[in-house]
Protein backbone atom coordinates (compact mmCIF):
# COMPACT_ATOMS: atom_id res chain seq x y z
CA MET A 1 0.02 -0.04 0.00
CA VAL A 2 1.33 3.46 -1.18
CA ASP A 3 1.02 6.00 1.97
CA MET A 4 -1.32 9.02 1.16
CA ASN A 5 -0.48 12.70 1.87
CA LEU A 6 -2.54 15.72 1.88
CA SER A 7 -1.75 19.27 2.06
CA HIS A 8 -4.40 22.21 1.86
CA ARG A 9 -3.64 26.34 1.04
CA MET A 10 -5.86 28.92 0.40
CA GLU A 11 -6.16 30.74 -2.90
CA GLY A 12 -8.14 33.61 -2.05
CA ASN A 13 -11.64 32.47 -0.53
CA ILE A 14 -11.10 28.92 -1.89
CA CYS A 15 -9.71 26.32 -0.15
CA VAL A 16 -7.39 23.77 -2.21
CA VAL A 17 -7.04 20.16 -0.87
CA GLY A 18 -4.19 18.28 -2.26
CA ILE A 19 -3.99 14.20 -2.42
CA GLN A 20 -0.86 12.69 -2.98
CA GLY A 21 -0.80 8.74 -3.30
CA GLU A 22 -3.64 6.45 -3.01
CA LEU A 23 -7.30 6.99 -1.59
CA THR A 24 -8.12 3.42 -1.29
CA ASN A 25 -8.63 0.77 1.84
CA LEU A 26 -8.46 3.07 5.45
CA GLN A 27 -7.36 6.38 3.49
CA PRO A 28 -10.67 7.58 2.66
CA ALA A 29 -11.43 7.95 6.62
CA ARG A 30 -8.26 9.84 7.19
CA LEU A 31 -9.40 11.95 4.17
CA ASN A 32 -12.51 12.81 5.86
CA ASN A 33 -11.05 13.62 8.90
CA TYR A 34 -8.90 16.00 7.63
CA VAL A 35 -11.20 17.86 5.75
CA GLU A 36 -13.79 18.10 8.43
CA SER A 37 -11.16 19.49 10.71
CA LEU A 38 -10.01 21.77 8.15
CA LEU A 39 -13.34 23.24 7.47
CA LYS A 40 -13.66 23.88 11.25
CA THR A 41 -10.52 25.83 11.42
CA ILE A 42 -10.80 27.64 7.97
CA THR A 43 -13.21 30.05 6.59
CA CYS A 44 -13.75 29.55 2.53
CA SER A 45 -16.35 29.88 -0.20
CA ALA A 46 -15.19 26.71 -1.97
CA LEU A 47 -13.65 23.19 -1.70
CA LEU A 48 -11.47 22.28 -4.82
CA PHE A 49 -9.82 18.88 -4.76
CA ASP A 50 -6.75 18.67 -6.85
CA LEU A 51 -6.13 14.97 -7.75
CA LYS A 52 -3.01 15.90 -9.92
CA GLU A 53 -0.88 13.69 -7.70
CA MET A 54 -3.49 10.88 -6.58
CA THR A 55 -2.20 7.83 -8.22
CA LYS A 56 -5.08 5.26 -7.26
CA VAL A 57 -8.48 5.29 -5.90
CA ASP A 58 -11.15 2.77 -4.92
CA SER A 59 -14.95 2.56 -4.76
CA MET A 60 -14.26 3.94 -0.71
CA GLY A 61 -12.38 7.12 -2.08
CA LEU A 62 -14.55 7.69 -4.96
CA GLY A 63 -17.19 7.54 -2.23
CA SER A 64 -15.64 9.95 0.00
CA LEU A 65 -15.06 12.37 -2.71
CA ILE A 66 -18.88 12.22 -3.48
CA VAL A 67 -19.81 12.90 0.09
CA PHE A 68 -17.87 15.97 0.09
CA SER A 69 -20.07 17.39 -2.81
CA LYS A 70 -23.12 16.90 -0.03
CA ILE A 71 -21.05 18.26 3.03
CA ALA A 72 -20.10 21.17 0.88
CA ALA A 73 -23.62 21.63 -0.08
CA ASP A 74 -25.01 21.87 3.04
CA LYS A 75 -22.73 24.57 4.09
CA GLY A 76 -23.29 26.55 1.38
CA LEU A 77 -19.63 25.81 -0.35
CA GLU A 78 -18.89 25.17 -4.00
CA TYR A 79 -17.18 22.39 -4.89
CA ALA A 80 -15.00 20.93 -7.67
CA ILE A 81 -12.46 18.58 -8.32
CA CYS A 82 -9.43 19.09 -11.04
CA GLN A 83 -6.67 17.22 -12.56
CA PRO A 84 -8.27 13.44 -12.15
CA ASN A 85 -6.67 10.98 -14.06
CA SER A 86 -8.13 8.60 -16.22
CA ASP A 87 -9.16 6.17 -13.63
CA MET A 88 -10.89 8.74 -11.60
CA ARG A 89 -12.60 10.04 -14.40
CA PHE A 90 -13.80 6.89 -15.34
CA TYR A 91 -15.11 6.14 -12.19
CA LEU A 92 -17.27 9.48 -12.10
CA GLU A 93 -18.43 8.72 -15.34
CA ALA A 94 -19.55 5.25 -14.45
CA SER A 95 -21.16 6.25 -10.76
CA GLY A 96 -23.33 9.11 -13.11
CA MET A 97 -21.25 11.65 -10.96
CA LEU A 98 -19.74 13.42 -13.79
CA THR A 99 -22.73 15.44 -14.54
CA LYS A 100 -23.23 16.71 -10.86
CA ILE A 101 -19.49 17.16 -9.96
CA ASN A 102 -17.53 20.15 -11.26
CA ILE A 103 -14.54 18.64 -13.07
CA TYR A 104 -11.68 20.84 -14.35
CA GLU A 105 -8.71 19.79 -16.31
CA THR A 106 -6.64 22.36 -14.53
CA GLN A 107 -6.39 23.98 -11.34
CA LYS A 108 -5.94 27.64 -13.03
CA GLY A 109 -9.15 26.89 -14.69
CA ALA A 110 -10.86 25.60 -11.80
CA LEU A 111 -9.30 28.80 -9.77
CA LYS A 112 -10.76 31.09 -12.31
CA GLN A 113 -14.48 29.36 -12.84
CA MET A 114 -15.02 29.32 -8.88
CA ASN A 115 -13.41 32.84 -8.39
CA HIS A 116 -15.90 33.62 -11.18
CA VAL A 117 -19.03 32.23 -9.48
CA TYR A 118 -18.12 33.43 -6.20
CA ARG A 119 -17.79 37.10 -6.96
CA ALA A 120 -21.39 36.84 -9.08
CA ARG A 121 -22.85 35.43 -5.91
CA SER A 122 -21.27 37.98 -3.94
CA SER A 123 -22.67 40.61 -5.78
CA GLU A 124 -25.98 39.24 -5.75
CA LYS A 125 -25.98 39.36 -2.03
CA THR A 126 -25.35 42.99 -2.00
CA LYS A 127 -27.87 44.02 -4.44
């Protein structure tokens, strides 16, 4: 089993969570704990999972990424995934989630679109 490393950083109001290694076996529980703790300590308008360095995912890992879309929605946060590998894209398509989760090919593209959505929502609130 390859270990999983997690990281995060803020890009404006967007929390970018990086996953490096395998999201398999018991690792989804570790990811869930990490993100739940993170959301208690930071303020953000969106969660972006960068999967560029994720090498493998199983059904439990996929499930945890799908659950985060619900958690984000419940908290009023935008949610997206960027840079998924071909296996991850296949699993998302097979599960029917490809049309329910925003997926971006690049982190730069994801940040640009998510910032655009945040600014649009902010301007609507001030009207």
